[in-house]
Structures are given as structure tokens and as C-alpha cells.
Protein backbone atom coordinates (compact mmCIF):
# COMPACT_ATOMS: atom_id res chain seq x y z
CA MET A 1 83.79 14.10 -73.32
CA ALA A 2 85.07 15.88 -75.91
CA ALA A 3 82.07 18.80 -76.02
CA ASP A 4 82.93 19.04 -71.78
CA ALA A 5 86.46 19.31 -73.14
CA LEU A 6 85.45 22.34 -75.25
CA ARG A 7 82.41 24.13 -74.52
CA PHE A 8 84.47 27.37 -73.81
CA LEU A 9 85.58 27.13 -77.65
CA LEU A 10 82.29 25.77 -78.57
CA ILE A 11 79.19 27.29 -77.78
CA GLY A 12 76.22 25.60 -77.14
CA VAL A 13 78.11 22.59 -77.86
CA LYS A 14 75.56 18.37 -78.19
CA GLU A 15 78.09 16.51 -79.54
CA VAL A 16 82.09 16.38 -80.93
CA LEU A 17 81.85 14.45 -85.28
CA SER A 18 84.88 15.13 -85.49
CA ILE A 19 88.25 17.24 -84.82
CA GLU A 20 91.20 17.21 -88.42
CA LEU A 21 94.37 18.77 -87.78
CA GLU A 22 95.59 21.23 -90.37
CA TYR A 23 92.64 21.36 -92.16
CA THR A 24 92.72 22.80 -96.25
CA GLY A 25 89.28 22.72 -96.93
CA GLU A 26 87.13 20.88 -99.47
CA GLU A 27 88.08 20.02 -103.22
CA GLY A 28 88.96 23.29 -105.34
CA ALA A 29 89.61 25.47 -102.68
CA THR A 30 93.28 25.71 -104.08
CA ILE A 31 91.96 26.96 -106.93
CA TRP A 32 88.92 29.35 -106.00
CA LEU A 33 91.94 31.25 -103.46
CA GLY A 34 94.37 31.24 -106.26
CA GLU A 35 97.33 29.52 -104.25
CA PRO A 36 99.65 28.00 -105.57
CA PRO A 37 99.37 24.35 -107.28
CA GLY A 38 101.31 21.60 -105.35
CA GLY A 39 101.12 23.23 -102.23
CA LYS A 40 101.24 21.46 -98.33
CA ARG A 41 99.21 21.48 -94.92
CA GLY A 42 100.67 24.52 -93.58
CA GLN A 43 102.91 25.41 -97.16
CA ASN A 44 101.59 27.91 -99.66
CA ARG A 45 98.05 26.95 -98.93
CA THR A 46 95.38 28.22 -96.66
CA SER A 47 95.32 25.60 -94.01
CA VAL A 48 93.84 25.83 -90.32
CA ASP A 49 95.15 24.33 -87.27
CA THR A 50 92.26 22.27 -86.26
CA ALA A 51 88.87 22.52 -87.57
CA VAL A 52 86.08 20.95 -85.14
CA ARG A 53 82.85 19.53 -86.92
CA TRP A 54 80.07 19.30 -84.08
CA ILE A 55 76.25 19.53 -83.23
CA ASP A 56 75.08 22.00 -81.03
CA ASP A 57 71.89 22.10 -78.66
CA ARG A 58 69.21 23.22 -81.45
CA GLY A 59 70.77 19.96 -83.58
CA GLN A 60 72.51 22.43 -85.93
CA GLN A 61 75.42 21.17 -88.05
CA ARG A 62 78.65 23.82 -87.31
CA ILE A 63 82.33 23.46 -88.03
CA THR A 64 84.92 25.72 -86.11
CA PHE A 65 87.82 26.35 -87.36
CA VAL A 66 90.08 26.38 -85.02
CA GLU A 67 93.60 28.79 -84.88
CA TRP A 68 96.19 27.96 -81.89
CA LYS A 69 97.98 30.36 -80.46
CA TYR A 70 99.98 28.92 -77.67
CA THR A 71 103.68 31.00 -77.65
CA GLU A 72 103.12 32.76 -81.42
CA ALA A 73 103.85 36.51 -80.43
CA LYS A 74 101.68 37.68 -83.67
CA PHE A 75 99.39 36.75 -86.33
CA GLY A 76 100.55 35.80 -89.28
CA THR A 77 101.12 38.93 -91.90
CA CYS A 78 101.07 39.39 -95.37
CA GLY A 79 104.61 37.48 -96.91
CA GLY A 80 103.29 39.35 -100.52
CA TYR A 81 104.12 42.74 -98.25
CA LYS A 82 107.65 40.85 -96.87
CA SER A 83 108.58 39.67 -99.66
CA ASP A 84 112.27 40.05 -102.19
CA GLY A 85 110.09 40.27 -105.30
CA ASN A 86 107.69 43.20 -104.38
CA ASP A 87 109.89 46.06 -105.25
CA ASP A 88 106.66 48.81 -104.46
CA LYS A 89 105.89 48.31 -101.25
CA ASN A 90 104.93 51.69 -100.66
CA ALA A 91 101.99 50.44 -103.42
CA CYS A 92 100.93 48.52 -99.95
CA ARG A 93 101.43 51.45 -97.74
CA THR A 94 99.26 54.11 -99.64
CA LEU A 95 96.83 51.49 -101.10
CA ARG A 96 93.21 52.76 -100.74
CA VAL A 97 91.07 50.08 -100.72
CA GLU A 98 87.86 52.04 -102.12
CA LEU A 99 89.99 52.08 -105.52
CA VAL A 100 92.17 48.71 -105.14
CA ARG A 101 92.80 47.02 -108.29
CA PRO A 102 93.65 43.41 -107.54
CA LYS A 103 96.40 43.42 -110.47
CA ARG A 104 97.74 46.39 -110.28
CA ASP A 105 97.65 47.04 -106.43
CA CYS A 106 98.38 43.70 -104.70
CA TYR A 107 101.89 42.19 -105.50
CA LEU A 108 100.06 38.40 -104.15
CA SER A 109 97.55 39.50 -106.91
CA LYS A 110 99.38 40.58 -109.95
CA GLY A 111 99.56 36.87 -111.72
CA THR A 112 103.21 37.04 -112.99
CA THR A 113 104.33 33.97 -111.73
CA VAL A 114 101.99 30.92 -109.85
CA ARG A 115 103.15 32.41 -106.45
CA ASN A 116 101.01 35.44 -106.98
CA ASP A 117 97.57 34.83 -108.87
CA ARG A 118 95.58 35.28 -105.31
CA HIS A 119 92.28 35.40 -105.60
CA TYR A 120 91.84 37.16 -101.72
CA TRP A 121 90.10 40.20 -102.70
CA GLU A 122 87.68 38.82 -105.10
CA ARG A 123 86.51 36.36 -102.17
CA LEU A 124 86.39 39.35 -99.70
CA ARG A 125 82.39 39.54 -100.00
CA ASP A 126 82.00 35.70 -99.47
CA ALA A 127 83.32 36.10 -96.68
CA GLY A 128 81.45 39.01 -95.20
CA ILE A 129 84.45 40.85 -94.90
CA ASN A 130 83.46 44.49 -95.77
CA LEU A 131 86.09 46.79 -95.96
CA GLU A 132 84.07 50.23 -96.17
CA LEU A 133 85.56 51.28 -92.81
CA PHE A 134 88.45 51.83 -94.61
CA ASP A 135 87.57 54.09 -97.08
CA GLY A 136 89.40 57.55 -97.56
CA ARG A 137 92.62 55.73 -95.75
CA ALA A 138 96.13 54.95 -96.87
CA GLY A 139 97.21 51.79 -96.60
CA CYS A 140 96.61 47.70 -96.83
CA PRO A 141 94.74 46.72 -93.74
CA PHE A 142 95.71 42.99 -94.39
CA MET A 143 99.40 43.87 -94.31
CA GLY A 144 99.78 42.75 -90.44
CA PRO A 145 97.63 40.69 -88.77
CA PHE A 146 94.31 40.74 -90.38
CA TYR A 147 96.04 38.66 -93.60
CA GLN A 148 95.74 34.77 -91.63
CA LEU A 149 92.56 36.17 -89.99
CA MET A 150 91.03 37.06 -93.54
CA ARG A 151 92.30 33.79 -95.27
CA LEU A 152 91.29 31.71 -92.75
CA HIS A 153 87.37 33.40 -93.33
CA LEU A 154 87.91 33.06 -96.96
CA LEU A 155 88.70 29.37 -96.71
CA ALA A 156 85.43 29.40 -93.98
CA ALA A 157 83.19 30.34 -96.90
CA HIS A 158 84.55 27.90 -99.60
CA THR A 159 84.19 25.17 -96.86
CA LYS A 160 80.27 26.59 -96.69
CA SER A 161 79.30 27.17 -99.53
CA HIS A 162 80.62 23.24 -100.53
CA LEU A 163 79.07 21.41 -97.51
CA LYS A 164 75.10 22.03 -97.81
CA CYS A 165 74.80 19.90 -94.70
CA ILE A 166 76.52 22.28 -92.34
CA ASP A 167 74.46 25.09 -91.05
CA ARG A 168 77.27 27.52 -89.56
CA VAL A 169 81.51 27.64 -90.10
CA GLU A 170 82.98 30.08 -87.70
CA VAL A 171 86.58 30.81 -86.79
CA ALA A 172 88.22 31.05 -83.05
CA VAL A 173 91.46 31.95 -82.19
CA VAL A 174 92.18 29.89 -78.96
CA CYS A 175 95.88 31.70 -77.12
CA PHE A 176 96.60 32.27 -73.27
CA ARG A 177 94.62 35.94 -71.77
CA GLY A 178 98.10 37.44 -70.64
CA ASN A 179 99.21 37.25 -74.40
CA THR A 180 98.92 41.00 -75.01
CA ASP A 181 101.57 41.53 -77.99
CA LEU A 182 99.40 39.08 -80.17
CA LEU A 183 95.97 40.80 -79.28
CA LYS A 184 97.61 43.82 -79.22
CA ILE A 185 96.43 46.07 -82.45
CA PRO A 186 98.75 48.06 -84.31
CA ASP A 187 98.38 51.49 -85.20
CA ASN A 188 97.54 51.10 -88.57
CA LEU A 189 94.23 49.34 -87.59
CA ALA A 190 93.63 51.38 -84.15
CA CYS A 191 90.50 52.66 -85.79
CA LEU A 192 88.82 49.98 -85.58
CA GLY A 193 88.97 49.01 -81.67
CA PRO A 194 91.19 48.85 -78.78
CA SER A 195 92.21 45.10 -79.64
CA ILE A 196 92.42 42.85 -82.89
CA PRO A 197 89.59 40.22 -81.55
CA GLU A 198 87.52 43.54 -82.00
CA ALA A 199 88.43 45.36 -84.09
CA TRP A 200 88.34 41.97 -87.09
CA CYS A 201 84.51 42.17 -85.65
CA LYS A 202 84.16 45.45 -87.07
CA LEU A 203 85.02 43.81 -90.53
CA LEU A 204 82.31 41.19 -90.48
CA GLY A 205 79.14 43.44 -89.64
CA GLY A 206 78.67 42.25 -86.43
CA GLU A 207 77.82 38.38 -88.06
CA MET A 208 79.30 36.03 -85.15
CA SER A 209 80.67 34.65 -87.34
CA PHE A 210 84.93 34.35 -85.29
CA HIS A 211 85.53 34.63 -81.28
CA THR A 212 88.25 33.55 -78.94
CA ALA A 213 88.82 31.88 -75.97
CA PHE A 214 91.20 31.98 -73.18
CA ILE A 215 93.31 28.56 -73.19
CA GLU A 216 92.97 29.66 -69.30
CA ASP A 217 89.88 28.50 -69.09
CA ILE A 218 89.50 25.54 -71.34
CA VAL A 219 92.41 24.18 -69.48
CA ARG A 220 90.68 24.99 -65.40
CA ASP A 221 86.94 23.79 -66.73
CA ALA A 222 88.95 20.67 -68.61
CA CYS A 223 91.06 19.07 -65.50
CA LYS A 224 88.18 20.41 -62.83
CA LYS A 225 86.05 17.56 -64.92
CA ALA A 226 88.73 15.30 -65.07
CA ARG A 227 89.95 15.94 -61.70
CA ILE A 228 93.85 16.09 -63.08
CA GLU A 229 93.77 19.29 -61.17
CA ARG A 230 97.57 17.75 -59.57
CA SER A 231 98.85 14.81 -62.12
CA ALA A 232 102.29 15.67 -63.40
CA TRP A 233 101.12 16.38 -66.47
CA MET A 234 99.49 19.94 -65.04
CA ARG A 235 102.43 20.44 -63.59
CA HIS A 236 104.79 20.11 -66.23
CA PHE A 237 101.97 22.31 -68.24
CA GLN A 238 101.57 25.00 -66.02
CA GLY A 239 106.13 24.94 -65.44
CA ARG A 240 106.11 25.97 -69.45
CA TYR A 241 103.19 27.97 -69.51
CA GLY A 242 103.32 29.82 -66.38
CA LEU A 243 99.14 28.26 -65.97
CA GLU A 244 97.83 28.56 -63.11
CA VAL A 245 94.45 26.35 -62.69
CA LYS A 246 92.28 27.41 -59.57
């Protein structure tokens, strides 16, 4: 049943093995990312809403990190850029990625406290994130919505390297098709594409480790299979989110 319900999200799914909420990675992930020790799920640690472990129709074991965007108008942005402790925000706005020295140029990487000794810049290559498209352009690409996607892909890279039985780890965003504010690309990233998913995929160099699924498709398919289109739960869901299942 789980495999049927998630087929729009897990392309080629044969069997769902497990689902874990607020997944923070395998042992050592916090240290590898340079995040504050003692952080909790969803607080001072990179965590993904849901980690689904599954087998595809070729027999490969996969994990999909799912970020659910039901009501959010934005992806998570860089707290370091907004921090009151960052007294040189202009450094973020003028940063050149081809010249970046994290401990000099990035507030979150300076290492002056346990909260700003992040290793994100050093781990980008491990996650397949290529910033060459930003050469010659001013501004940190992670000030805005790419920040959350970057951290999820770093966590995916660490998970893949520590779970040898897993063939593939990918990231997926689930949102409403009509949530155009969420997918709208900010001006400083518009050079990469017309929407956040399309632009982010360019930074991954064509590697199919990220995709977007729409809630309308998942719910419509699941409801038809379970024959609950007219149930009280479905009426509540439709009324709350303005979702029509036809």
C-alpha cells in the first residue's frame, strides 16, 4: 500500500522498507558538517522531514529525503546571513565563490564559536554541488533558498558514504503545484533557471539526485486507490488546502 501511495514520489518503487521522521543522518554526521554539538532534531542540526528507505524495480536499495512543504511560503534560508552576530553582511552580498576562503569569508564558518564552525563549503564537492556557474558573480548563492537544499544534499552525501548497502540517496521536495511563491526563483539566482527546482538541478550537473513531486498528484492517486475521494477526511483536506481531487 505504501509503495502505491508514494509512486509519484519514489519513481520505480517496488517496496517501501521504512519511514523515519526528522532524520538527522548516520553517526558522525553532525561532526562532519561542523554543526553545534548537542543539537536536537530540527534545532541546530541538519534534519530532513522524512527519510524513506525503499527498493526500486531493479532491486536497488535507495533512500529518499523528503522535505514536505505544505504551508511554507519559502525554503529555509541562511541564519548566518540574518544573524545579529554577523556584523559584516555585506561580505555575504559581495562574496565570490571562486575566491572563497570559508573561515575568512563566511560567518557560519569562521570558527569563533561552536555555532559558527560549519564545514559546509568543504563538503560541497562530496554532494556533487558545482558552483562554477557562479564564477564572476557577486553574492553567496546560499543566502536564500539554496541554503536548505544544500544542507539536505550534504546530509544525503554523508548518509550514502556511511551506508554501503544503499545504492542511491536522493532529495525530493513535496509541495502544492499552486504554491508559486515557494518555487519562485530570487533575482540573484535567476541566471540558472525560471524556478528553484530547475536552477538547483543545474548546480548538480545533471545528476538526478533531486526532484519535485506535487501533493495534488500523490493525494489524487492515493485516494482513488483507497476509494476515499468522498470521505470526511478528504473533505477536510480539500477545505483546508483548497485541493480538488478529480
